Amino acid sequence: MSINYLCSVINNIMQSERQIQIIESSIELIATKGIQGFTIKNLSKAIGISEPGIYRHFDSKTEILLSILTSFKEMAEMLSGMLDDLQVPAIEKIEFMFTRMLELFSTTPSLVSVIFAEEIFKSEELLKLKITEVLNTHAQNIENIITIGQEENNVRKDIEAKTMTLIIMGSLRLLVKRWDLNNHDFDLQIEGSKLIISLDKIIACQ
């Protein structure tokens, strides 16, 4: 899962080629200037079209961010479908999910600025609702994996599935956030593999 995969999802939910260009340029802009530097003025300069030209396709910066979050939610749903087809133990499904997500974050660090930037959601109810949908989709995926794993006796049953989901998601979030705050100075995917090994020890049947 990479930026190319993200763009293919965007292609599926967007109609206009210009809209797709705006979304892709927005992601690149966030990567270079951060969420604070993501303005319509800067976006206009990056693409080489006027600000009114951007507003013909998106009403606001918020709508552009919503489109990015929507594409991320679409990927989470696609990932859920892929997980349903995997006939492997729970920890291997979680590893599959983690690997795809960390690959995406590694190749598109700007997404971390969007997905994990709580400050941009507090005053924007639409963004807050959308990121909640994204998080809930991932949480439900993991909880389903854990529940099935408990039924198949490869996941411990003395911890509730919801609690175990919180532990897993919190661990992933902390790893990605630490990577981002440290200016990506370690290999996210390698550290993610180490995290998976530790989670296996935590969730496996004792």
C-alpha atoms as a PDB file:
ATOM      1  CA  MET A   1       0.000   0.000   0.000  1.00  0.00           C
ATOM      2  CA  SER A   2       1.669   3.220  -1.137  1.00  0.00           C
ATOM      3  CA  ILE A   3       0.953   6.716  -2.426  1.00  0.00           C
ATOM      4  CA  ASN A   4       0.072   5.137  -5.775  1.00  0.00           C
ATOM      5  CA  TYR A   5      -2.527   2.976  -4.037  1.00  0.00           C
ATOM      6  CA  LEU A   6      -3.882   6.030  -2.248  1.00  0.00           C
ATOM      7  CA  CYS A   7      -4.167   7.871  -5.535  1.00  0.00           C
ATOM      8  CA  SER A   8      -5.991   4.924  -7.110  1.00  0.00           C
ATOM      9  CA  VAL A   9      -8.563   5.126  -4.323  1.00  0.00           C
ATOM     10  CA  ILE A  10      -8.874   8.862  -4.883  1.00  0.00           C
ATOM     11  CA  ASN A  11      -9.424   8.178  -8.590  1.00  0.00           C
ATOM     12  CA  ASN A  12     -12.339   5.903  -7.690  1.00  0.00           C
ATOM     13  CA  ILE A  13     -14.136   8.490  -5.543  1.00  0.00           C
ATOM     14  CA  MET A  14     -13.315  11.613  -7.562  1.00  0.00           C
ATOM     15  CA  GLN A  15     -14.817  12.545 -10.919  1.00  0.00           C
ATOM     16  CA  SER A  16     -12.726  15.465 -12.158  1.00  0.00           C
ATOM     17  CA  GLU A  17      -9.084  15.164 -13.193  1.00  0.00           C
ATOM     18  CA  ARG A  18      -8.549  18.604 -11.680  1.00  0.00           C
ATOM     19  CA  GLN A  19     -10.001  17.414  -8.366  1.00  0.00           C
ATOM     20  CA  ILE A  20      -7.569  14.508  -8.363  1.00  0.00           C
ATOM     21  CA  GLN A  21      -4.685  16.888  -9.089  1.00  0.00           C
ATOM     22  CA  ILE A  22      -5.751  19.169  -6.246  1.00  0.00           C
ATOM     23  CA  ILE A  23      -5.941  16.256  -3.798  1.00  0.00           C
ATOM     24  CA  GLU A  24      -2.548  14.858  -4.807  1.00  0.00           C
ATOM     25  CA  SER A  25      -0.935  18.308  -4.624  1.00  0.00           C
ATOM     26  CA  SER A  26      -2.538  18.887  -1.228  1.00  0.00           C
ATOM     27  CA  ILE A  27      -0.958  15.708   0.123  1.00  0.00           C
ATOM     28  CA  GLU A  28       2.446  16.774  -1.216  1.00  0.00           C
ATOM     29  CA  LEU A  29       1.997  20.273   0.239  1.00  0.00           C
ATOM     30  CA  ILE A  30       1.169  18.908   3.684  1.00  0.00           C
ATOM     31  CA  ALA A  31       4.287  16.719   3.452  1.00  0.00           C
ATOM     32  CA  THR A  32       6.563  19.696   2.763  1.00  0.00           C
ATOM     33  CA  LYS A  33       4.928  22.533   4.723  1.00  0.00           C
ATOM     34  CA  GLY A  34       2.900  20.706   7.354  1.00  0.00           C
ATOM     35  CA  ILE A  35      -0.773  21.129   8.079  1.00  0.00           C
ATOM     36  CA  GLN A  36      -0.256  24.781   9.051  1.00  0.00           C
ATOM     37  CA  GLY A  37       1.225  25.540   5.645  1.00  0.00           C
ATOM     38  CA  PHE A  38      -1.669  23.909   3.874  1.00  0.00           C
ATOM     39  CA  THR A  39      -3.530  26.972   2.617  1.00  0.00           C
ATOM     40  CA  ILE A  40      -5.447  27.637  -0.566  1.00  0.00           C
ATOM     41  CA  LYS A  41      -2.884  30.317  -1.422  1.00  0.00           C
ATOM     42  CA  ASN A  42       0.047  27.894  -1.103  1.00  0.00           C
ATOM     43  CA  LEU A  43      -1.897  25.210  -2.925  1.00  0.00           C
ATOM     44  CA  SER A  44      -2.620  27.621  -5.755  1.00  0.00           C
ATOM     45  CA  LYS A  45       1.096  28.338  -6.147  1.00  0.00           C
ATOM     46  CA  ALA A  46       2.012  24.663  -6.008  1.00  0.00           C
ATOM     47  CA  ILE A  47      -0.455  23.679  -8.727  1.00  0.00           C
ATOM     48  CA  GLY A  48      -0.066  26.786 -10.848  1.00  0.00           C
ATOM     49  CA  ILE A  49      -3.739  27.719 -11.016  1.00  0.00           C
ATOM     50  CA  SER A  50      -5.620  30.599  -9.435  1.00  0.00           C
ATOM     51  CA  GLU A  51      -7.288  30.407  -6.045  1.00  0.00           C
ATOM     52  CA  PRO A  52     -10.727  30.889  -7.685  1.00  0.00           C
ATOM     53  CA  GLY A  53      -9.798  27.960  -9.930  1.00  0.00           C
ATOM     54  CA  ILE A  54      -9.402  25.751  -6.856  1.00  0.00           C
ATOM     55  CA  TYR A  55     -12.660  27.009  -5.378  1.00  0.00           C
ATOM     56  CA  ARG A  56     -14.468  25.905  -8.518  1.00  0.00           C
ATOM     57  CA  HIS A  57     -13.716  22.322  -7.501  1.00  0.00           C
ATOM     58  CA  PHE A  58     -13.698  22.521  -3.705  1.00  0.00           C
ATOM     59  CA  ASP A  59     -15.609  24.959  -1.530  1.00  0.00           C
ATOM     60  CA  SER A  60     -12.897  25.126   1.111  1.00  0.00           C
ATOM     61  CA  LYS A  61      -9.704  23.677   2.553  1.00  0.00           C
ATOM     62  CA  THR A  62     -11.930  21.648   4.861  1.00  0.00           C
ATOM     63  CA  GLU A  63     -13.583  19.944   1.902  1.00  0.00           C
ATOM     64  CA  ILE A  64     -10.173  18.981   0.519  1.00  0.00           C
ATOM     65  CA  LEU A  65      -9.170  17.471   3.865  1.00  0.00           C
ATOM     66  CA  LEU A  66     -12.491  15.626   3.990  1.00  0.00           C
ATOM     67  CA  SER A  67     -11.704  14.106   0.605  1.00  0.00           C
ATOM     68  CA  ILE A  68      -8.312  12.896   1.854  1.00  0.00           C
ATOM     69  CA  LEU A  69      -9.918  11.379   4.963  1.00  0.00           C
ATOM     70  CA  THR A  70     -12.646   9.801   2.860  1.00  0.00           C
ATOM     71  CA  SER A  71     -10.030   8.102   0.674  1.00  0.00           C
ATOM     72  CA  PHE A  72      -8.298   6.814   3.818  1.00  0.00           C
ATOM     73  CA  LYS A  73     -11.617   5.436   5.095  1.00  0.00           C
ATOM     74  CA  GLU A  74     -12.182   3.749   1.723  1.00  0.00           C
ATOM     75  CA  MET A  75      -8.799   2.059   2.063  1.00  0.00           C
ATOM     76  CA  ALA A  76      -9.693   0.861   5.565  1.00  0.00           C
ATOM     77  CA  GLU A  77     -12.861  -0.703   4.170  1.00  0.00           C
ATOM     78  CA  MET A  78     -10.941  -2.348   1.315  1.00  0.00           C
ATOM     79  CA  LEU A  79      -8.436  -3.670   3.838  1.00  0.00           C
ATOM     80  CA  SER A  80     -11.302  -5.131   5.856  1.00  0.00           C
ATOM     81  CA  GLY A  81     -12.467  -7.060   2.797  1.00  0.00           C
ATOM     82  CA  MET A  82      -8.956  -8.392   2.219  1.00  0.00           C
ATOM     83  CA  LEU A  83      -8.717  -9.509   5.860  1.00  0.00           C
ATOM     84  CA  ASP A  84     -11.974 -11.435   5.562  1.00  0.00           C
ATOM     85  CA  ASP A  85     -10.370 -13.579   2.858  1.00  0.00           C
ATOM     86  CA  LEU A  86      -7.284 -14.441   4.931  1.00  0.00           C
ATOM     87  CA  GLN A  87      -7.535 -17.841   6.613  1.00  0.00           C
ATOM     88  CA  VAL A  88      -4.745 -17.270   9.144  1.00  0.00           C
ATOM     89  CA  PRO A  89      -4.490 -16.729  12.935  1.00  0.00           C
ATOM     90  CA  ALA A  90      -5.480 -13.355  14.404  1.00  0.00           C
ATOM     91  CA  ILE A  91      -1.927 -12.085  14.942  1.00  0.00           C
ATOM     92  CA  GLU A  92      -1.101 -12.664  11.273  1.00  0.00           C
ATOM     93  CA  LYS A  93      -4.158 -10.657  10.237  1.00  0.00           C
ATOM     94  CA  ILE A  94      -3.100  -7.831  12.537  1.00  0.00           C
ATOM     95  CA  GLU A  95       0.417  -8.036  11.119  1.00  0.00           C
ATOM     96  CA  PHE A  96      -1.036  -7.810   7.604  1.00  0.00           C
ATOM     97  CA  MET A  97      -3.020  -4.709   8.580  1.00  0.00           C
ATOM     98  CA  PHE A  98      -0.088  -3.058  10.373  1.00  0.00           C
ATOM     99  CA  THR A  99       2.281  -3.747   7.482  1.00  0.00           C
ATOM    100  CA  ARG A 100      -0.032  -2.118   4.939  1.00  0.00           C
ATOM    101  CA  MET A 101      -0.720   0.923   7.106  1.00  0.00           C
ATOM    102  CA  LEU A 102       2.924   1.487   8.063  1.00  0.00           C
ATOM    103  CA  GLU A 103       3.961   1.156   4.435  1.00  0.00           C
ATOM    104  CA  LEU A 104       1.433   3.838   3.540  1.00  0.00           C
ATOM    105  CA  PHE A 105       2.614   6.167   6.315  1.00  0.00           C
ATOM    106  CA  SER A 106       6.265   5.559   5.378  1.00  0.00           C
ATOM    107  CA  THR A 107       5.701   6.481   1.738  1.00  0.00           C
ATOM    108  CA  THR A 108       3.203   9.266   2.496  1.00  0.00           C
ATOM    109  CA  PRO A 109       4.255  10.910   5.810  1.00  0.00           C
ATOM    110  CA  SER A 110       1.855  13.786   5.153  1.00  0.00           C
ATOM    111  CA  LEU A 111      -1.043  11.487   6.000  1.00  0.00           C
ATOM    112  CA  VAL A 112       0.237  11.323   9.577  1.00  0.00           C
ATOM    113  CA  SER A 113      -0.155  15.095   9.769  1.00  0.00           C
ATOM    114  CA  VAL A 114      -3.784  14.727   8.725  1.00  0.00           C
ATOM    115  CA  ILE A 115      -4.813  11.560  10.572  1.00  0.00           C
ATOM    116  CA  PHE A 116      -3.051  12.358  13.845  1.00  0.00           C
ATOM    117  CA  ALA A 117      -3.422  16.156  13.976  1.00  0.00           C
ATOM    118  CA  GLU A 118      -6.159  16.505  16.593  1.00  0.00           C
ATOM    119  CA  GLU A 119      -5.857  20.285  16.676  1.00  0.00           C
ATOM    120  CA  ILE A 120      -7.331  20.655  13.188  1.00  0.00           C
ATOM    121  CA  PHE A 121     -10.437  18.690  14.160  1.00  0.00           C
ATOM    122  CA  LYS A 122     -11.488  20.473  17.358  1.00  0.00           C
ATOM    123  CA  SER A 123     -12.997  23.474  15.601  1.00  0.00           C
ATOM    124  CA  GLU A 124     -14.120  21.622  12.464  1.00  0.00           C
ATOM    125  CA  GLU A 125     -17.062  19.364  13.260  1.00  0.00           C
ATOM    126  CA  LEU A 126     -17.128  17.776   9.801  1.00  0.00           C
ATOM    127  CA  LEU A 127     -13.467  16.798  10.036  1.00  0.00           C
ATOM    128  CA  LYS A 128     -13.996  15.537  13.565  1.00  0.00           C
ATOM    129  CA  LEU A 129     -16.847  13.318  12.420  1.00  0.00           C
ATOM    130  CA  LYS A 130     -14.891  11.993   9.439  1.00  0.00           C
ATOM    131  CA  ILE A 131     -11.766  11.120  11.405  1.00  0.00           C
ATOM    132  CA  THR A 132     -14.008   9.398  13.950  1.00  0.00           C
ATOM    133  CA  GLU A 133     -15.436   7.278  11.122  1.00  0.00           C
ATOM    134  CA  VAL A 134     -11.902   6.369  10.015  1.00  0.00           C
ATOM    135  CA  LEU A 135     -10.807   5.411  13.523  1.00  0.00           C
ATOM    136  CA  ASN A 136     -14.002   3.461  14.162  1.00  0.00           C
ATOM    137  CA  THR A 137     -13.519   1.507  10.931  1.00  0.00           C
ATOM    138  CA  HIS A 138     -10.000   0.469  11.945  1.00  0.00           C
ATOM    139  CA  ALA A 139     -11.134  -0.312  15.490  1.00  0.00           C
ATOM    140  CA  GLN A 140     -13.975  -2.507  14.225  1.00  0.00           C
ATOM    141  CA  ASN A 141     -11.581  -4.354  11.914  1.00  0.00           C
ATOM    142  CA  ILE A 142      -9.244  -5.152  14.796  1.00  0.00           C
ATOM    143  CA  GLU A 143     -12.058  -6.040  17.200  1.00  0.00           C
ATOM    144  CA  ASN A 144     -13.512  -8.460  14.649  1.00  0.00           C
ATOM    145  CA  ILE A 145     -10.092 -10.096  14.243  1.00  0.00           C
ATOM    146  CA  ILE A 146      -9.693 -10.431  18.012  1.00  0.00           C
ATOM    147  CA  THR A 147     -13.201 -11.817  18.489  1.00  0.00           C
ATOM    148  CA  ILE A 148     -12.713 -14.461  15.805  1.00  0.00           C
ATOM    149  CA  GLY A 149      -9.301 -15.272  17.252  1.00  0.00           C
ATOM    150  CA  GLN A 150     -10.856 -15.834  20.671  1.00  0.00           C
ATOM    151  CA  GLU A 151     -13.483 -18.118  19.142  1.00  0.00           C
ATOM    152  CA  GLU A 152     -10.714 -20.079  17.390  1.00  0.00           C
ATOM    153  CA  ASN A 153      -8.668 -20.238  20.609  1.00  0.00           C
ATOM    154  CA  ASN A 154      -5.587 -18.447  19.244  1.00  0.00           C
ATOM    155  CA  VAL A 155      -6.237 -15.232  21.216  1.00  0.00           C
ATOM    156  CA  ARG A 156      -6.495 -15.058  24.994  1.00  0.00           C
ATOM    157  CA  LYS A 157     -10.025 -14.701  26.385  1.00  0.00           C
ATOM    158  CA  ASP A 158      -9.277 -13.141  29.771  1.00  0.00           C
ATOM    159  CA  ILE A 159      -9.113  -9.669  28.194  1.00  0.00           C
ATOM    160  CA  GLU A 160     -12.185  -8.267  26.421  1.00  0.00           C
ATOM    161  CA  ALA A 161     -11.901  -7.775  22.666  1.00  0.00           C
ATOM    162  CA  LYS A 162     -12.613  -4.041  22.989  1.00  0.00           C
ATOM    163  CA  THR A 163      -9.857  -3.598  25.570  1.00  0.00           C
ATOM    164  CA  MET A 164      -7.383  -5.567  23.474  1.00  0.00           C
ATOM    165  CA  THR A 165      -8.333  -3.440  20.459  1.00  0.00           C
ATOM    166  CA  LEU A 166      -7.549  -0.300  22.452  1.00  0.00           C
ATOM    167  CA  ILE A 167      -4.135  -1.704  23.408  1.00  0.00           C
ATOM    168  CA  ILE A 168      -3.313  -2.567  19.799  1.00  0.00           C
ATOM    169  CA  MET A 169      -4.514   0.720  18.293  1.00  0.00           C
ATOM    170  CA  GLY A 170      -2.847   2.747  21.038  1.00  0.00           C
ATOM    171  CA  SER A 171       0.462   0.982  20.430  1.00  0.00           C
ATOM    172  CA  LEU A 172       0.312   1.669  16.700  1.00  0.00           C
ATOM    173  CA  ARG A 173      -0.667   5.296  17.244  1.00  0.00           C
ATOM    174  CA  LEU A 174       2.176   5.913  19.701  1.00  0.00           C
ATOM    175  CA  LEU A 175       4.720   4.335  17.350  1.00  0.00           C
ATOM    176  CA  VAL A 176       3.604   6.409  14.355  1.00  0.00           C
ATOM    177  CA  LYS A 177       3.366   9.620  16.404  1.00  0.00           C
ATOM    178  CA  ARG A 178       6.855   9.111  17.870  1.00  0.00           C
ATOM    179  CA  TRP A 179       8.221   8.480  14.357  1.00  0.00           C
ATOM    180  CA  ASP A 180       6.606  11.671  13.109  1.00  0.00           C
ATOM    181  CA  LEU A 181       7.768  13.834  16.041  1.00  0.00           C
ATOM    182  CA  ASN A 182      11.317  12.516  15.645  1.00  0.00           C
ATOM    183  CA  ASN A 183      11.403  13.611  11.997  1.00  0.00           C
ATOM    184  CA  HIS A 184      11.227  10.025  10.719  1.00  0.00           C
ATOM    185  CA  ASP A 185      14.690   9.218  12.071  1.00  0.00           C
ATOM    186  CA  PHE A 186      14.018   5.479  12.375  1.00  0.00           C
ATOM    187  CA  ASP A 187      12.575   2.848  10.058  1.00  0.00           C
ATOM    188  CA  LEU A 188       8.876   2.773  10.824  1.00  0.00           C
ATOM    189  CA  GLN A 189       8.284  -0.605   9.223  1.00  0.00           C
ATOM    190  CA  ILE A 190      11.148  -2.295  11.091  1.00  0.00           C
ATOM    191  CA  GLU A 191       9.933  -0.915  14.420  1.00  0.00           C
ATOM    192  CA  GLY A 192       6.418  -1.956  13.450  1.00  0.00           C
ATOM    193  CA  SER A 193       7.611  -5.538  12.996  1.00  0.00           C
ATOM    194  CA  LYS A 194       9.120  -5.460  16.487  1.00  0.00           C
ATOM    195  CA  LEU A 195       5.828  -4.155  17.854  1.00  0.00           C
ATOM    196  CA  ILE A 196       3.938  -7.015  16.217  1.00  0.00           C
ATOM    197  CA  ILE A 197       6.217  -9.559  17.926  1.00  0.00           C
ATOM    198  CA  SER A 198       5.485  -7.941  21.305  1.00  0.00           C
ATOM    199  CA  LEU A 199       1.751  -7.786  20.644  1.00  0.00           C
ATOM    200  CA  ASP A 200       1.800 -11.474  19.763  1.00  0.00           C
ATOM    201  CA  LYS A 201       3.149 -12.222  23.245  1.00  0.00           C
ATOM    202  CA  ILE A 202       0.397 -10.082  24.777  1.00  0.00           C
ATOM    203  CA  ILE A 203      -2.637 -11.364  22.894  1.00  0.00           C
ATOM    204  CA  ALA A 204      -1.729 -15.019  22.292  1.00  0.00           C
ATOM    205  CA  CYS A 205      -3.362 -17.691  24.410  1.00  0.00           C
ATOM    206  CA  GLN A 206      -1.294 -18.288  27.532  1.00  0.00           C
END
